[in-house]
Each structure stands twice: as C-alpha cells, then as structure tokens.
PDB file of N, CA and C in Angstrom:
ATOM      1  N   MET A   1       0.609  -1.039   0.226  1.00  0.00           N
ATOM      2  CA  MET A   1      -0.040   0.152   0.034  1.00  0.00           C
ATOM      3  C   MET A   1       0.529   0.933   0.446  1.00  0.00           C
ATOM      4  N   TRP A   2       0.423   2.196  -0.601  1.00  0.00           N
ATOM      5  CA  TRP A   2       1.430   3.649  -0.739  1.00  0.00           C
ATOM      6  C   TRP A   2       0.754   4.202  -0.210  1.00  0.00           C
ATOM      7  N   ASP A   3       1.769   5.328   0.416  1.00  0.00           N
ATOM      8  CA  ASP A   3       1.586   6.338   1.429  1.00  0.00           C
ATOM      9  C   ASP A   3       1.392   7.333   1.014  1.00  0.00           C
ATOM     10  N   PHE A   4       0.109   8.386   0.678  1.00  0.00           N
ATOM     11  CA  PHE A   4       0.398   9.460   0.294  1.00  0.00           C
ATOM     12  C   PHE A   4      -0.141  10.687   0.580  1.00  0.00           C
ATOM     13  N   ASN A   5      -1.008  10.371   2.638  1.00  0.00           N
ATOM     14  CA  ASN A   5      -1.012  11.450   2.829  1.00  0.00           C
ATOM     15  C   ASN A   5      -2.417  11.933   2.132  1.00  0.00           C
ATOM     16  N   ASP A   6      -3.202  11.279   1.342  1.00  0.00           N
ATOM     17  CA  ASP A   6      -4.318  12.017   0.372  1.00  0.00           C
ATOM     18  C   ASP A   6      -3.897  12.783  -0.014  1.00  0.00           C
ATOM     19  N   ASP A   7      -2.884  13.101  -0.271  1.00  0.00           N
ATOM     20  CA  ASP A   7      -2.434  14.678  -1.133  1.00  0.00           C
ATOM     21  C   ASP A   7      -2.500  14.044  -2.525  1.00  0.00           C
ATOM     22  N   PRO A   8      -3.254  14.694  -3.515  1.00  0.00           N
ATOM     23  CA  PRO A   8      -3.174  14.256  -5.038  1.00  0.00           C
ATOM     24  C   PRO A   8      -1.940  14.882  -5.739  1.00  0.00           C
ATOM     25  N   ALA A   9      -1.326  15.755  -5.479  1.00  0.00           N
ATOM     26  CA  ALA A   9       0.067  16.173  -6.424  1.00  0.00           C
ATOM     27  C   ALA A   9       1.123  15.255  -5.981  1.00  0.00           C
ATOM     28  N   VAL A  10       0.916  14.534  -4.588  1.00  0.00           N
ATOM     29  CA  VAL A  10       2.022  13.316  -4.358  1.00  0.00           C
ATOM     30  C   VAL A  10       1.541  12.319  -5.238  1.00  0.00           C
ATOM     31  N   ILE A  11       0.031  11.614  -4.785  1.00  0.00           N
ATOM     32  CA  ILE A  11      -0.408  10.588  -5.791  1.00  0.00           C
ATOM     33  C   ILE A  11      -0.221  10.639  -7.371  1.00  0.00           C
ATOM     34  N   ALA A  12      -0.289  12.107  -8.274  1.00  0.00           N
ATOM     35  CA  ALA A  12       0.089  12.157  -9.452  1.00  0.00           C
ATOM     36  C   ALA A  12       1.557  11.980  -9.499  1.00  0.00           C
ATOM     37  N   GLN A  13       2.313  12.527  -8.606  1.00  0.00           N
ATOM     38  CA  GLN A  13       4.091  12.681  -9.387  1.00  0.00           C
ATOM     39  C   GLN A  13       4.352  11.301  -9.349  1.00  0.00           C
ATOM     40  N   THR A  14       4.104  10.615  -7.964  1.00  0.00           N
ATOM     41  CA  THR A  14       4.373   9.125  -7.714  1.00  0.00           C
ATOM     42  C   THR A  14       4.177   8.094  -8.979  1.00  0.00           C
ATOM     43  N   ILE A  15       3.214   8.563  -9.614  1.00  0.00           N
ATOM     44  CA  ILE A  15       2.677   7.789 -11.028  1.00  0.00           C
ATOM     45  C   ILE A  15       3.271   8.094 -11.941  1.00  0.00           C
ATOM     46  N   ALA A  16       3.587   9.758 -12.003  1.00  0.00           N
ATOM     47  CA  ALA A  16       4.343   9.588 -13.337  1.00  0.00           C
ATOM     48  C   ALA A  16       5.790   9.592 -13.166  1.00  0.00           C
ATOM     49  N   GLN A  17       6.284   9.254 -11.507  1.00  0.00           N
ATOM     50  CA  GLN A  17       7.881   8.696 -11.883  1.00  0.00           C
ATOM     51  C   GLN A  17       7.775   7.253 -11.781  1.00  0.00           C
ATOM     52  N   ARG A  18       6.771   6.513 -11.612  1.00  0.00           N
ATOM     53  CA  ARG A  18       6.907   4.940 -11.821  1.00  0.00           C
ATOM     54  C   ARG A  18       6.578   4.945 -13.689  1.00  0.00           C
ATOM     55  N   VAL A  19       5.673   5.548 -14.090  1.00  0.00           N
ATOM     56  CA  VAL A  19       5.604   5.424 -15.323  1.00  0.00           C
ATOM     57  C   VAL A  19       7.046   5.697 -16.245  1.00  0.00           C
ATOM     58  N   ARG A  20       7.766   6.765 -15.726  1.00  0.00           N
ATOM     59  CA  ARG A  20       8.865   7.265 -16.049  1.00  0.00           C
ATOM     60  C   ARG A  20      10.082   5.903 -15.789  1.00  0.00           C
ATOM     61  N   ALA A  21       9.812   5.006 -14.836  1.00  0.00           N
ATOM     62  CA  ALA A  21      11.064   3.913 -14.593  1.00  0.00           C
ATOM     63  C   ALA A  21      10.364   2.971 -15.377  1.00  0.00           C
ATOM     64  N   ARG A  22       9.157   2.884 -15.664  1.00  0.00           N
ATOM     65  CA  ARG A  22       9.165   1.945 -16.776  1.00  0.00           C
ATOM     66  C   ARG A  22       9.127   2.114 -17.948  1.00  0.00           C
ATOM     67  N   ARG A  23       9.323   3.541 -18.441  1.00  0.00           N
ATOM     68  CA  ARG A  23       9.680   3.654 -19.795  1.00  0.00           C
ATOM     69  C   ARG A  23      11.370   3.436 -19.870  1.00  0.00           C
ATOM     70  N   LEU A  24      11.641   3.668 -18.972  1.00  0.00           N
ATOM     71  CA  LEU A  24      13.463   3.421 -19.117  1.00  0.00           C
ATOM     72  C   LEU A  24      13.853   1.983 -19.035  1.00  0.00           C
ATOM     73  N   GLU A  25      12.949   1.287 -18.514  1.00  0.00           N
ATOM     74  CA  GLU A  25      13.104  -0.433 -18.290  1.00  0.00           C
ATOM     75  C   GLU A  25      12.841  -0.809 -19.875  1.00  0.00           C
ATOM     76  N   ALA A  26      12.053  -0.382 -20.228  1.00  0.00           N
ATOM     77  CA  ALA A  26      11.414  -0.886 -22.018  1.00  0.00           C
ATOM     78  C   ALA A  26      12.483  -0.146 -22.871  1.00  0.00           C
ATOM     79  N   ASN A  27      13.808   0.177 -22.555  1.00  0.00           N
ATOM     80  CA  ASN A  27      14.643   1.590 -23.014  1.00  0.00           C
ATOM     81  C   ASN A  27      14.011   1.930 -24.338  1.00  0.00           C
ATOM     82  N   LEU A  28      12.865   3.183 -23.992  1.00  0.00           N
ATOM     83  CA  LEU A  28      12.234   4.026 -24.867  1.00  0.00           C
ATOM     84  C   LEU A  28      12.468   5.063 -24.385  1.00  0.00           C
ATOM     85  N   THR A  29      12.686   6.288 -25.513  1.00  0.00           N
ATOM     86  CA  THR A  29      12.520   7.497 -25.328  1.00  0.00           C
ATOM     87  C   THR A  29      11.476   8.074 -24.908  1.00  0.00           C
ATOM     88  N   GLN A  30      11.374   9.789 -24.800  1.00  0.00           N
ATOM     89  CA  GLN A  30      10.483  10.450 -23.978  1.00  0.00           C
ATOM     90  C   GLN A  30       9.568  10.276 -25.538  1.00  0.00           C
ATOM     91  N   ARG A  31      10.169  10.574 -26.981  1.00  0.00           N
ATOM     92  CA  ARG A  31       9.128  10.346 -28.179  1.00  0.00           C
ATOM     93  C   ARG A  31       9.086   9.195 -28.469  1.00  0.00           C
ATOM     94  N   GLY A  32       9.921   7.557 -28.340  1.00  0.00           N
ATOM     95  CA  GLY A  32       9.286   6.910 -28.580  1.00  0.00           C
ATOM     96  C   GLY A  32       8.259   6.312 -27.954  1.00  0.00           C
ATOM     97  N   MET A  33       8.252   7.025 -26.606  1.00  0.00           N
ATOM     98  CA  MET A  33       6.758   6.393 -25.924  1.00  0.00           C
ATOM     99  C   MET A  33       5.872   6.680 -26.357  1.00  0.00           C
ATOM    100  N   ALA A  34       6.078   8.424 -26.293  1.00  0.00           N
ATOM    101  CA  ALA A  34       4.425   9.035 -26.793  1.00  0.00           C
ATOM    102  C   ALA A  34       3.919   8.957 -28.134  1.00  0.00           C
ATOM    103  N   ARG A  35       4.851   8.277 -29.017  1.00  0.00           N
ATOM    104  CA  ARG A  35       4.665   7.177 -30.708  1.00  0.00           C
ATOM    105  C   ARG A  35       3.756   5.982 -30.558  1.00  0.00           C
ATOM    106  N   ARG A  36       4.561   5.044 -29.611  1.00  0.00           N
ATOM    107  CA  ARG A  36       3.846   4.309 -28.938  1.00  0.00           C
ATOM    108  C   ARG A  36       2.252   4.604 -28.287  1.00  0.00           C
ATOM    109  N   ALA A  37       2.355   5.577 -27.434  1.00  0.00           N
ATOM    110  CA  ALA A  37       1.027   5.326 -27.024  1.00  0.00           C
ATOM    111  C   ALA A  37       0.166   6.458 -27.504  1.00  0.00           C
ATOM    112  N   GLY A  38       0.482   6.951 -29.034  1.00  0.00           N
ATOM    113  CA  GLY A  38      -0.346   7.378 -29.518  1.00  0.00           C
ATOM    114  C   GLY A  38      -0.646   9.174 -29.097  1.00  0.00           C
ATOM    115  N   LEU A  39       0.357  10.000 -28.576  1.00  0.00           N
ATOM    116  CA  LEU A  39       0.565  11.067 -28.173  1.00  0.00           C
ATOM    117  C   LEU A  39       1.248  11.751 -28.516  1.00  0.00           C
ATOM    118  N   ALA A  40       1.036  13.372 -28.700  1.00  0.00           N
ATOM    119  CA  ALA A  40       2.087  13.818 -28.747  1.00  0.00           C
ATOM    120  C   ALA A  40       3.203  14.204 -27.962  1.00  0.00           C
ATOM    121  N   THR A  41       4.494  14.483 -28.570  1.00  0.00           N
ATOM    122  CA  THR A  41       5.491  13.910 -27.521  1.00  0.00           C
ATOM    123  C   THR A  41       5.354  15.177 -26.512  1.00  0.00           C
ATOM    124  N   ALA A  42       5.167  16.588 -26.715  1.00  0.00           N
ATOM    125  CA  ALA A  42       5.013  17.464 -25.831  1.00  0.00           C
ATOM    126  C   ALA A  42       4.133  17.213 -24.174  1.00  0.00           C
ATOM    127  N   THR A  43       2.948  16.387 -25.204  1.00  0.00           N
ATOM    128  CA  THR A  43       2.257  15.844 -23.867  1.00  0.00           C
ATOM    129  C   THR A  43       3.038  15.043 -23.132  1.00  0.00           C
ATOM    130  N   TYR A  44       3.118  14.061 -23.530  1.00  0.00           N
ATOM    131  CA  TYR A  44       4.184  12.945 -23.157  1.00  0.00           C
ATOM    132  C   TYR A  44       5.123  13.558 -21.931  1.00  0.00           C
ATOM    133  N   ARG A  45       5.980  14.416 -22.557  1.00  0.00           N
ATOM    134  CA  ARG A  45       7.160  15.266 -21.599  1.00  0.00           C
ATOM    135  C   ARG A  45       6.157  15.677 -20.595  1.00  0.00           C
ATOM    136  N   ARG A  46       5.141  16.323 -20.970  1.00  0.00           N
ATOM    137  CA  ARG A  46       4.138  17.576 -20.015  1.00  0.00           C
ATOM    138  C   ARG A  46       4.023  16.635 -18.681  1.00  0.00           C
ATOM    139  N   PHE A  47       3.243  15.267 -18.631  1.00  0.00           N
ATOM    140  CA  PHE A  47       3.316  14.304 -17.738  1.00  0.00           C
ATOM    141  C   PHE A  47       4.310  13.789 -17.300  1.00  0.00           C
ATOM    142  N   GLU A  48       5.501  13.567 -17.921  1.00  0.00           N
ATOM    143  CA  GLU A  48       6.525  12.739 -17.138  1.00  0.00           C
ATOM    144  C   GLU A  48       7.084  14.082 -15.639  1.00  0.00           C
ATOM    145  N   SER A  49       6.985  15.605 -16.672  1.00  0.00           N
ATOM    146  CA  SER A  49       7.485  16.500 -15.922  1.00  0.00           C
ATOM    147  C   SER A  49       6.689  17.262 -14.624  1.00  0.00           C
ATOM    148  N   THR A  50       5.197  17.503 -15.059  1.00  0.00           N
ATOM    149  CA  THR A  50       4.527  18.357 -14.257  1.00  0.00           C
ATOM    150  C   THR A  50       3.579  16.914 -13.962  1.00  0.00           C
ATOM    151  N   ALA A  51       3.580  15.599 -14.156  1.00  0.00           N
ATOM    152  CA  ALA A  51       2.266  14.971 -13.528  1.00  0.00           C
ATOM    153  C   ALA A  51       0.834  15.004 -13.711  1.00  0.00           C
ATOM    154  N   GLN A  52       0.589  15.820 -14.720  1.00  0.00           N
ATOM    155  CA  GLN A  52      -0.467  16.229 -15.584  1.00  0.00           C
ATOM    156  C   GLN A  52      -0.779  15.920 -16.315  1.00  0.00           C
ATOM    157  N   VAL A  53      -2.147  15.227 -16.355  1.00  0.00           N
ATOM    158  CA  VAL A  53      -2.784  14.302 -17.801  1.00  0.00           C
ATOM    159  C   VAL A  53      -3.917  13.792 -18.052  1.00  0.00           C
ATOM    160  N   SER A  54      -4.404  13.528 -18.445  1.00  0.00           N
ATOM    161  CA  SER A  54      -5.888  13.182 -18.592  1.00  0.00           C
ATOM    162  C   SER A  54      -5.917  11.625 -18.465  1.00  0.00           C
ATOM    163  N   LEU A  55      -7.086  11.832 -17.894  1.00  0.00           N
ATOM    164  CA  LEU A  55      -7.498   9.981 -17.610  1.00  0.00           C
ATOM    165  C   LEU A  55      -7.358   9.454 -18.759  1.00  0.00           C
ATOM    166  N   ASN A  56      -7.661   9.517 -20.243  1.00  0.00           N
ATOM    167  CA  ASN A  56      -7.693   9.079 -21.362  1.00  0.00           C
ATOM    168  C   ASN A  56      -6.214   8.589 -21.499  1.00  0.00           C
ATOM    169  N   ASN A  57      -5.397   9.728 -21.825  1.00  0.00           N
ATOM    170  CA  ASN A  57      -4.129   9.471 -21.708  1.00  0.00           C
ATOM    171  C   ASN A  57      -3.008   8.376 -21.038  1.00  0.00           C
ATOM    172  N   LEU A  58      -3.707   8.902 -19.525  1.00  0.00           N
ATOM    173  CA  LEU A  58      -3.129   7.748 -19.070  1.00  0.00           C
ATOM    174  C   LEU A  58      -3.410   6.338 -19.186  1.00  0.00           C
ATOM    175  N   ILE A  59      -4.711   6.483 -19.412  1.00  0.00           N
ATOM    176  CA  ILE A  59      -5.098   4.863 -20.277  1.00  0.00           C
ATOM    177  C   ILE A  59      -4.288   4.621 -21.586  1.00  0.00           C
ATOM    178  N   LEU A  60      -3.922   5.506 -22.502  1.00  0.00           N
ATOM    179  CA  LEU A  60      -3.166   5.209 -23.165  1.00  0.00           C
ATOM    180  C   LEU A  60      -1.591   4.594 -23.342  1.00  0.00           C
ATOM    181  N   ILE A  61      -1.049   5.533 -21.907  1.00  0.00           N
ATOM    182  CA  ILE A  61       0.167   5.320 -21.568  1.00  0.00           C
ATOM    183  C   ILE A  61       0.692   3.774 -21.262  1.00  0.00           C
ATOM    184  N   ALA A  62      -0.404   3.469 -20.189  1.00  0.00           N
ATOM    185  CA  ALA A  62      -0.716   2.085 -19.261  1.00  0.00           C
ATOM    186  C   ALA A  62      -0.969   0.842 -20.952  1.00  0.00           C
ATOM    187  N   VAL A  63      -1.533   1.246 -21.943  1.00  0.00           N
ATOM    188  CA  VAL A  63      -1.895   0.050 -22.763  1.00  0.00           C
ATOM    189  C   VAL A  63      -0.462  -0.026 -23.262  1.00  0.00           C
ATOM    190  N   ALA A  64       0.433   1.677 -23.825  1.00  0.00           N
ATOM    191  CA  ALA A  64       1.427   1.251 -24.550  1.00  0.00           C
ATOM    192  C   ALA A  64       2.468   0.485 -23.732  1.00  0.00           C
ATOM    193  N   LEU A  65       2.642   0.878 -22.112  1.00  0.00           N
ATOM    194  CA  LEU A  65       3.277  -0.544 -21.304  1.00  0.00           C
ATOM    195  C   LEU A  65       3.227  -1.385 -21.107  1.00  0.00           C
ATOM    196  N   GLY A  66       2.231  -2.039 -21.555  1.00  0.00           N
ATOM    197  CA  GLY A  66       1.097  -3.298 -20.942  1.00  0.00           C
ATOM    198  C   GLY A  66       1.267  -3.383 -19.670  1.00  0.00           C
ATOM    199  N   ALA A  67       0.849  -2.244 -19.119  1.00  0.00           N
ATOM    200  CA  ALA A  67       0.433  -1.872 -17.709  1.00  0.00           C
ATOM    201  C   ALA A  67      -1.136  -1.929 -17.567  1.00  0.00           C
ATOM    202  N   THR A  68      -2.226  -2.354 -18.403  1.00  0.00           N
ATOM    203  CA  THR A  68      -3.495  -2.006 -18.057  1.00  0.00           C
ATOM    204  C   THR A  68      -4.070  -2.551 -16.794  1.00  0.00           C
ATOM    205  N   ASP A  69      -3.450  -3.924 -16.397  1.00  0.00           N
ATOM    206  CA  ASP A  69      -3.624  -4.482 -15.393  1.00  0.00           C
ATOM    207  C   ASP A  69      -4.063  -3.877 -13.911  1.00  0.00           C
ATOM    208  N   ASP A  70      -3.097  -2.783 -14.139  1.00  0.00           N
ATOM    209  CA  ASP A  70      -2.822  -1.829 -12.766  1.00  0.00           C
ATOM    210  C   ASP A  70      -4.192  -1.516 -12.148  1.00  0.00           C
ATOM    211  N   PHE A  71      -4.630  -0.910 -13.807  1.00  0.00           N
ATOM    212  CA  PHE A  71      -6.230  -0.324 -13.032  1.00  0.00           C
ATOM    213  C   PHE A  71      -7.286  -1.651 -12.148  1.00  0.00           C
ATOM    214  N   ALA A  72      -6.954  -2.408 -12.462  1.00  0.00           N
ATOM    215  CA  ALA A  72      -7.869  -4.050 -11.984  1.00  0.00           C
ATOM    216  C   ALA A  72      -8.418  -3.515 -10.844  1.00  0.00           C
ATOM    217  N   THR A  73      -7.671  -2.587  -9.570  1.00  0.00           N
ATOM    218  CA  THR A  73      -7.960  -3.371  -8.564  1.00  0.00           C
ATOM    219  C   THR A  73      -8.328  -1.769  -7.710  1.00  0.00           C
ATOM    220  N   LEU A  74      -8.312  -0.565  -9.063  1.00  0.00           N
ATOM    221  CA  LEU A  74      -8.965   0.673  -8.766  1.00  0.00           C
ATOM    222  C   LEU A  74      -9.915   0.885  -8.333  1.00  0.00           C
ATOM    223  N   PHE A  75     -10.500   1.445  -7.088  1.00  0.00           N
ATOM    224  CA  PHE A  75     -12.328   1.660  -7.317  1.00  0.00           C
ATOM    225  C   PHE A  75     -12.530   0.617  -6.415  1.00  0.00           C
ATOM    226  N   GLN A  76     -11.962  -0.949  -6.243  1.00  0.00           N
ATOM    227  CA  GLN A  76     -12.649  -1.746  -6.107  1.00  0.00           C
ATOM    228  C   GLN A  76     -12.490  -2.626  -4.457  1.00  0.00           C
ATOM    229  N   ARG A  77     -14.347  -2.846  -4.342  1.00  0.00           N
ATOM    230  CA  ARG A  77     -14.723  -3.251  -3.059  1.00  0.00           C
ATOM    231  C   ARG A  77     -13.745  -4.060  -2.377  1.00  0.00           C
ATOM    232  N   PRO A  78     -13.215  -3.365  -0.886  1.00  0.00           N
ATOM    233  CA  PRO A  78     -12.508  -4.397  -0.056  1.00  0.00           C
ATOM    234  C   PRO A  78     -12.844  -5.459   0.119  1.00  0.00           C
ATOM    235  N   ALA A  79     -11.817  -6.778   0.554  1.00  0.00           N
ATOM    236  CA  ALA A  79     -12.610  -7.867   0.901  1.00  0.00           C
ATOM    237  C   ALA A  79     -12.687  -8.052   2.452  1.00  0.00           C
ATOM    238  N   TYR A  80     -13.944  -8.454   2.868  1.00  0.00           N
ATOM    239  CA  TYR A  80     -14.327  -8.266   4.179  1.00  0.00           C
ATOM    240  C   TYR A  80     -13.397  -9.334   5.176  1.00  0.00           C
ATOM    241  N   ALA A  81     -13.555  -9.081   6.399  1.00  0.00           N
ATOM    242  CA  ALA A  81     -12.808  -9.004   6.912  1.00  0.00           C
ATOM    243  C   ALA A  81     -13.575 -10.119   8.573  1.00  0.00           C
ATOM    244  N   SER A  82     -14.625  -9.784   8.696  1.00  0.00           N
ATOM    245  CA  SER A  82     -15.831  -9.782   9.345  1.00  0.00           C
ATOM    246  C   SER A  82     -17.153 -10.007   8.616  1.00  0.00           C
ATOM    247  N   ILE A  83     -17.895 -10.841   9.793  1.00  0.00           N
ATOM    248  CA  ILE A  83     -19.296 -10.955   9.494  1.00  0.00           C
ATOM    249  C   ILE A  83     -19.480  -9.693   9.864  1.00  0.00           C
ATOM    250  N   ASP A  84     -19.645  -8.715  10.381  1.00  0.00           N
ATOM    251  CA  ASP A  84     -20.024  -7.434  10.813  1.00  0.00           C
ATOM    252  C   ASP A  84     -20.350  -6.985   9.606  1.00  0.00           C
ATOM    253  N   GLU A  85     -18.587  -6.770   8.661  1.00  0.00           N
ATOM    254  CA  GLU A  85     -18.852  -6.531   7.629  1.00  0.00           C
ATOM    255  C   GLU A  85     -19.356  -6.349   6.536  1.00  0.00           C
ATOM    256  N   VAL A  86     -19.951  -7.427   6.494  1.00  0.00           N
ATOM    257  CA  VAL A  86     -20.722  -8.146   5.816  1.00  0.00           C
ATOM    258  C   VAL A  86     -21.751  -7.879   5.698  1.00  0.00           C
ATOM    259  N   ILE A  87     -22.771  -7.742   7.516  1.00  0.00           N
ATOM    260  CA  ILE A  87     -24.157  -7.660   7.558  1.00  0.00           C
ATOM    261  C   ILE A  87     -24.101  -5.811   6.930  1.00  0.00           C
ATOM    262  N   SER A  88     -23.179  -5.034   7.699  1.00  0.00           N
ATOM    263  CA  SER A  88     -23.208  -4.050   7.005  1.00  0.00           C
ATOM    264  C   SER A  88     -22.888  -3.387   5.528  1.00  0.00           C
ATOM    265  N   ALA A  89     -22.505  -4.129   4.873  1.00  0.00           N
ATOM    266  CA  ALA A  89     -22.693  -3.857   3.074  1.00  0.00           C
ATOM    267  C   ALA A  89     -23.491  -4.506   2.628  1.00  0.00           C
ATOM    268  N   GLN A  90     -24.453  -5.023   3.367  1.00  0.00           N
ATOM    269  CA  GLN A  90     -26.257  -5.363   2.497  1.00  0.00           C
ATOM    270  C   GLN A  90     -27.086  -4.536   2.799  1.00  0.00           C
ATOM    271  N   ARG A  91     -26.655  -2.954   3.084  1.00  0.00           N
ATOM    272  CA  ARG A  91     -27.255  -1.982   3.153  1.00  0.00           C
ATOM    273  C   ARG A  91     -27.706  -1.381   1.785  1.00  0.00           C
ATOM    274  N   PRO A  92     -28.708  -0.904   1.496  1.00  0.00           N
ATOM    275  CA  PRO A  92     -29.037  -0.623   0.113  1.00  0.00           C
ATOM    276  C   PRO A  92     -28.216   0.385  -0.547  1.00  0.00           C
ATOM    277  N   THR A  93     -27.763   0.112  -1.598  1.00  0.00           N
ATOM    278  CA  THR A  93     -26.595   1.038  -2.283  1.00  0.00           C
ATOM    279  C   THR A  93     -27.710   2.631  -2.757  1.00  0.00           C
ATOM    280  N   ARG A  94     -26.894   3.059  -2.159  1.00  0.00           N
ATOM    281  CA  ARG A  94     -27.342   4.488  -2.537  1.00  0.00           C
ATOM    282  C   ARG A  94     -27.295   4.842  -4.564  1.00  0.00           C
ATOM    283  N   ARG A  95     -28.250   5.861  -4.888  1.00  0.00           N
ATOM    284  CA  ARG A  95     -27.829   5.826  -5.988  1.00  0.00           C
ATOM    285  C   ARG A  95     -27.506   7.789  -6.395  1.00  0.00           C
ATOM    286  N   ARG A  96     -27.298   8.106  -4.895  1.00  0.00           N
ATOM    287  CA  ARG A  96     -26.927   9.268  -5.160  1.00  0.00           C
ATOM    288  C   ARG A  96     -25.924   9.722  -3.911  1.00  0.00           C
ATOM    289  N   GLY A  97     -24.975  10.754  -3.888  1.00  0.00           N
ATOM    290  CA  GLY A  97     -24.908  11.057  -2.514  1.00  0.00           C
ATOM    291  C   GLY A  97     -25.464  11.895  -1.546  1.00  0.00           C
ATOM    292  N   ARG A  98     -25.076  12.318  -0.496  1.00  0.00           N
ATOM    293  CA  ARG A  98     -25.694  13.041   0.273  1.00  0.00           C
ATOM    294  C   ARG A  98     -25.130  14.816  -0.102  1.00  0.00           C
ATOM    295  N   HIS A  99     -26.295  15.819  -0.157  1.00  0.00           N
ATOM    296  CA  HIS A  99     -26.005  17.121  -0.231  1.00  0.00           C
ATOM    297  C   HIS A  99     -25.266  17.539   1.334  1.00  0.00           C
ATOM    298  N   ASP A 100     -23.963  17.948   1.033  1.00  0.00           N
ATOM    299  CA  ASP A 100     -22.933  18.109   2.330  1.00  0.00           C
ATOM    300  C   ASP A 100     -23.755  20.136   2.629  1.00  0.00           C
TER     301      ASP A 100
END
C-alpha cells in the first residue's frame, strides 16, 4: 500500500515517476513512448515533468507499457474481514450522494 497522505499532487507525481521508470526499463525515449501511446511528444513530456495528464491519456500510456492490469484494483471494493462487515455492506446501495 502506498502512503500518499491523501495528497493528490503526491499521488500524481508518484504515478509519473513510476511510468518514467517503466519507460526507461523498456529502453524507450520520451518521443518513442509518446509515439507508442499515440500522444504528442509534448503531451507526454508534460506528463513526466508536471504529472498532469487526462485519464484517457493515462490509459493510453498504460496500454503502451502493457500495464492495464494495474487499473484492475482501482476503486475495487475491499474484501470482508468479518461477518459484521458483510452485514453492514448489505445496506441498499445509494444512487446519489448526500448534499453537504
């Protein structure tokens, strides 16, 4: 589990650093990675340097790196640890959030 302290900037930067490491392991330049992902080179460079990217472009990058399985656990419901968790999870699923 990652310790991000719920800081979106830290999460984004960590993802960008990991993508860069995977790109280098694959012996790809930024230009080559961008081409493989179908992105403009400037878009890919901006992602590595600022960690700013659209979700669609992040998915294209993951496809190019063969890392789409990493999305499989994103927002997955946690496994139950006790019968109490099972019972509390049987409440009806809300269709809308509460107004704050």
